[in-house]
Amino acid sequence: MKIPKSVIKKLQRINLMAQQSKKLSEEVEEWIESKGYDPHEFRTGGYSVLEMVDYGEAISDEIESLLIKQFEEMDKSKIL
C-alpha cells in the first residue's frame, strides 16, 4: 500500500501540534498550581474549561470568563 506524502505530512503535523498542546497544558496547570489550586480539580466533576480547550471545543471569547467562573466555584467550595 502506498500512503500519499500529504497524508504523512498531516499526521506529522497532528503529532507536532499534540506535543505542543501537551506542553502548553502543562504550563497552564503549573500556573493554576502557583495560584494555590489543584489543577486536577479543574478536570473533575464535569466538563471543565481545561477539557474544553484540550478538545478544541471552547469558544475563544469565552475562555477567560469560563476560567474565572471555575475559580469562583472552587473558592465557594473551599468555604463550605
N, C-alpha and C. Protein backbone atom coordinates (compact mmCIF):
# COMPACT_ATOMS: atom_id res chain seq x y z
N MET A 1 0.84 -1.18 0.00
CA MET A 1 0.00 0.00 0.00
C MET A 1 0.89 1.24 0.00
N LYS A 2 0.54 2.17 -0.83
CA LYS A 2 1.27 3.44 -0.93
C LYS A 2 0.48 4.50 -0.18
N ILE A 3 1.14 5.16 0.76
CA ILE A 3 0.49 6.23 1.52
C ILE A 3 0.99 7.56 0.96
N PRO A 4 0.08 8.42 0.56
CA PRO A 4 0.49 9.71 -0.01
C PRO A 4 1.31 10.53 0.99
N LYS A 5 2.30 11.23 0.46
CA LYS A 5 3.13 12.08 1.32
C LYS A 5 2.30 13.14 2.03
N SER A 6 1.23 13.59 1.39
CA SER A 6 0.38 14.61 2.01
C SER A 6 -0.28 14.06 3.29
N VAL A 7 -0.61 12.78 3.28
CA VAL A 7 -1.22 12.17 4.47
C VAL A 7 -0.17 12.05 5.58
N ILE A 8 1.03 11.63 5.20
CA ILE A 8 2.12 11.52 6.18
C ILE A 8 2.41 12.89 6.79
N LYS A 9 2.48 13.93 5.95
CA LYS A 9 2.73 15.28 6.45
C LYS A 9 1.63 15.73 7.41
N LYS A 10 0.40 15.40 7.11
CA LYS A 10 -0.71 15.76 8.01
C LYS A 10 -0.59 15.04 9.34
N LEU A 11 -0.25 13.76 9.30
CA LEU A 11 -0.07 13.01 10.53
C LEU A 11 1.09 13.57 11.35
N GLN A 12 2.18 13.93 10.68
CA GLN A 12 3.31 14.53 11.38
C GLN A 12 2.91 15.86 12.02
N ARG A 13 2.12 16.63 11.31
CA ARG A 13 1.66 17.92 11.84
C ARG A 13 0.73 17.72 13.05
N ILE A 14 -0.17 16.74 12.95
CA ILE A 14 -1.06 16.42 14.08
C ILE A 14 -0.22 16.04 15.29
N ASN A 15 0.79 15.22 15.08
CA ASN A 15 1.66 14.78 16.16
C ASN A 15 2.39 15.97 16.80
N LEU A 16 2.94 16.85 15.97
CA LEU A 16 3.66 18.02 16.48
C LEU A 16 2.72 18.93 17.27
N MET A 17 1.54 19.16 16.73
CA MET A 17 0.58 20.03 17.41
C MET A 17 0.12 19.41 18.74
N ALA A 18 -0.02 18.09 18.78
CA ALA A 18 -0.40 17.42 20.03
C ALA A 18 0.69 17.59 21.08
N GLN A 19 1.95 17.48 20.66
CA GLN A 19 3.06 17.68 21.59
C GLN A 19 3.08 19.12 22.11
N GLN A 20 2.86 20.08 21.23
CA GLN A 20 2.82 21.49 21.63
C GLN A 20 1.65 21.74 22.57
N SER A 21 0.51 21.15 22.27
CA SER A 21 -0.67 21.31 23.11
C SER A 21 -0.42 20.75 24.51
N LYS A 22 0.21 19.60 24.58
CA LYS A 22 0.52 18.99 25.88
C LYS A 22 1.42 19.90 26.70
N LYS A 23 2.44 20.47 26.06
CA LYS A 23 3.36 21.36 26.77
C LYS A 23 2.63 22.60 27.26
N LEU A 24 1.79 23.19 26.43
CA LEU A 24 1.03 24.37 26.84
C LEU A 24 0.08 24.04 27.99
N SER A 25 -0.55 22.88 27.95
CA SER A 25 -1.44 22.45 29.04
C SER A 25 -0.68 22.33 30.34
N GLU A 26 0.52 21.77 30.27
CA GLU A 26 1.36 21.65 31.47
C GLU A 26 1.71 23.02 32.04
N GLU A 27 2.00 23.98 31.16
CA GLU A 27 2.33 25.34 31.61
C GLU A 27 1.12 26.00 32.29
N VAL A 28 -0.06 25.80 31.72
CA VAL A 28 -1.28 26.36 32.32
C VAL A 28 -1.54 25.71 33.68
N GLU A 29 -1.37 24.40 33.77
CA GLU A 29 -1.58 23.71 35.03
C GLU A 29 -0.58 24.17 36.09
N GLU A 30 0.66 24.44 35.69
CA GLU A 30 1.66 24.97 36.62
C GLU A 30 1.23 26.34 37.14
N TRP A 31 0.69 27.17 36.26
CA TRP A 31 0.22 28.50 36.67
C TRP A 31 -0.94 28.36 37.66
N ILE A 32 -1.89 27.48 37.36
CA ILE A 32 -3.02 27.25 38.27
C ILE A 32 -2.51 26.80 39.63
N GLU A 33 -1.55 25.89 39.63
CA GLU A 33 -0.98 25.39 40.88
C GLU A 33 -0.27 26.51 41.64
N SER A 34 0.40 27.40 40.92
CA SER A 34 1.10 28.52 41.58
C SER A 34 0.13 29.48 42.26
N LYS A 35 -1.14 29.43 41.87
CA LYS A 35 -2.17 30.28 42.48
C LYS A 35 -2.83 29.58 43.67
N GLY A 36 -2.34 28.39 44.02
CA GLY A 36 -2.85 27.68 45.18
C GLY A 36 -4.00 26.72 44.91
N TYR A 37 -4.21 26.38 43.67
CA TYR A 37 -5.30 25.47 43.29
C TYR A 37 -4.71 24.17 42.77
N ASP A 38 -5.47 23.11 42.91
CA ASP A 38 -5.08 21.82 42.36
C ASP A 38 -5.61 21.74 40.93
N PRO A 39 -4.73 21.73 39.94
CA PRO A 39 -5.20 21.71 38.55
C PRO A 39 -6.04 20.48 38.21
N HIS A 40 -5.84 19.39 38.96
CA HIS A 40 -6.62 18.18 38.69
C HIS A 40 -8.08 18.36 39.09
N GLU A 41 -8.34 19.25 40.05
CA GLU A 41 -9.72 19.53 40.43
C GLU A 41 -10.47 20.25 39.31
N PHE A 42 -9.72 20.90 38.43
CA PHE A 42 -10.33 21.58 37.29
C PHE A 42 -10.81 20.57 36.25
N ARG A 43 -10.37 19.34 36.37
CA ARG A 43 -10.72 18.33 35.37
C ARG A 43 -11.69 17.29 35.92
N THR A 44 -12.19 17.51 37.13
CA THR A 44 -13.12 16.56 37.72
C THR A 44 -14.48 17.21 37.92
N GLY A 45 -15.47 16.40 38.12
CA GLY A 45 -16.80 16.91 38.41
C GLY A 45 -17.48 17.58 37.24
N GLY A 46 -17.29 17.04 36.07
CA GLY A 46 -17.95 17.62 34.90
C GLY A 46 -16.95 18.07 33.85
N TYR A 47 -17.46 18.74 32.90
CA TYR A 47 -16.67 19.17 31.75
C TYR A 47 -16.07 20.54 32.04
N SER A 48 -14.77 20.61 32.25
CA SER A 48 -14.11 21.85 32.65
C SER A 48 -13.61 22.63 31.45
N VAL A 49 -13.26 23.88 31.72
CA VAL A 49 -12.70 24.72 30.66
C VAL A 49 -11.39 24.12 30.14
N LEU A 50 -10.61 23.50 31.02
CA LEU A 50 -9.36 22.88 30.56
C LEU A 50 -9.64 21.74 29.59
N GLU A 51 -10.66 20.96 29.87
CA GLU A 51 -11.01 19.87 28.96
C GLU A 51 -11.57 20.42 27.65
N MET A 52 -12.38 21.46 27.76
CA MET A 52 -12.93 22.07 26.55
C MET A 52 -11.81 22.56 25.63
N VAL A 53 -10.81 23.19 26.23
CA VAL A 53 -9.68 23.70 25.45
C VAL A 53 -8.86 22.54 24.87
N ASP A 54 -8.63 21.50 25.68
CA ASP A 54 -7.88 20.33 25.20
C ASP A 54 -8.50 19.73 23.95
N TYR A 55 -9.83 19.74 23.89
CA TYR A 55 -10.53 19.13 22.76
C TYR A 55 -10.93 20.14 21.68
N GLY A 56 -10.50 21.39 21.84
CA GLY A 56 -10.81 22.40 20.84
C GLY A 56 -12.28 22.77 20.79
N GLU A 57 -12.98 22.62 21.91
CA GLU A 57 -14.41 22.85 21.94
C GLU A 57 -14.81 24.17 22.61
N ALA A 58 -13.82 24.94 23.04
CA ALA A 58 -14.12 26.21 23.70
C ALA A 58 -14.17 27.33 22.65
N ILE A 59 -15.01 28.29 22.90
CA ILE A 59 -15.06 29.48 22.06
C ILE A 59 -14.05 30.47 22.63
N SER A 60 -13.14 30.95 21.79
CA SER A 60 -12.03 31.78 22.25
C SER A 60 -12.47 32.93 23.14
N ASP A 61 -13.56 33.60 22.78
CA ASP A 61 -14.01 34.75 23.55
C ASP A 61 -14.55 34.37 24.93
N GLU A 62 -14.86 33.11 25.14
CA GLU A 62 -15.45 32.68 26.40
C GLU A 62 -14.46 32.03 27.35
N ILE A 63 -13.25 31.76 26.91
CA ILE A 63 -12.29 31.02 27.72
C ILE A 63 -12.00 31.73 29.04
N GLU A 64 -11.73 33.02 28.99
CA GLU A 64 -11.39 33.75 30.21
C GLU A 64 -12.55 33.73 31.20
N SER A 65 -13.75 34.02 30.73
CA SER A 65 -14.90 34.06 31.65
C SER A 65 -15.20 32.67 32.22
N LEU A 66 -15.03 31.63 31.43
CA LEU A 66 -15.24 30.27 31.92
C LEU A 66 -14.22 29.90 32.99
N LEU A 67 -12.97 30.31 32.79
CA LEU A 67 -11.92 30.01 33.77
C LEU A 67 -12.17 30.78 35.06
N ILE A 68 -12.54 32.05 34.95
CA ILE A 68 -12.85 32.85 36.14
C ILE A 68 -14.01 32.20 36.91
N LYS A 69 -15.03 31.79 36.19
CA LYS A 69 -16.19 31.14 36.82
C LYS A 69 -15.76 29.88 37.56
N GLN A 70 -14.86 29.12 36.95
CA GLN A 70 -14.41 27.88 37.58
C GLN A 70 -13.61 28.19 38.85
N PHE A 71 -12.76 29.23 38.81
CA PHE A 71 -12.02 29.64 40.01
C PHE A 71 -13.00 30.03 41.11
N GLU A 72 -14.02 30.81 40.77
CA GLU A 72 -15.02 31.26 41.75
C GLU A 72 -15.76 30.08 42.36
N GLU A 73 -16.11 29.10 41.55
CA GLU A 73 -16.80 27.91 42.06
C GLU A 73 -15.90 27.12 43.01
N MET A 74 -14.62 27.05 42.69
CA MET A 74 -13.68 26.35 43.57
C MET A 74 -13.52 27.10 44.88
N ASP A 75 -13.50 28.44 44.82
CA ASP A 75 -13.39 29.24 46.04
C ASP A 75 -14.61 29.02 46.93
N LYS A 76 -15.79 28.95 46.34
CA LYS A 76 -17.02 28.71 47.10
C LYS A 76 -16.97 27.35 47.79
N SER A 77 -16.47 26.35 47.10
CA SER A 77 -16.43 25.01 47.68
C SER A 77 -15.40 24.93 48.81
N LYS A 78 -14.37 25.78 48.78
CA LYS A 78 -13.38 25.81 49.87
C LYS A 78 -14.01 26.39 51.13
N ILE A 79 -14.92 27.35 50.95
CA ILE A 79 -15.57 28.00 52.08
C ILE A 79 -16.53 27.03 52.77
N LEU A 80 -17.22 26.22 51.97
CA LEU A 80 -18.21 25.29 52.53
C LEU A 80 -17.53 24.15 53.16
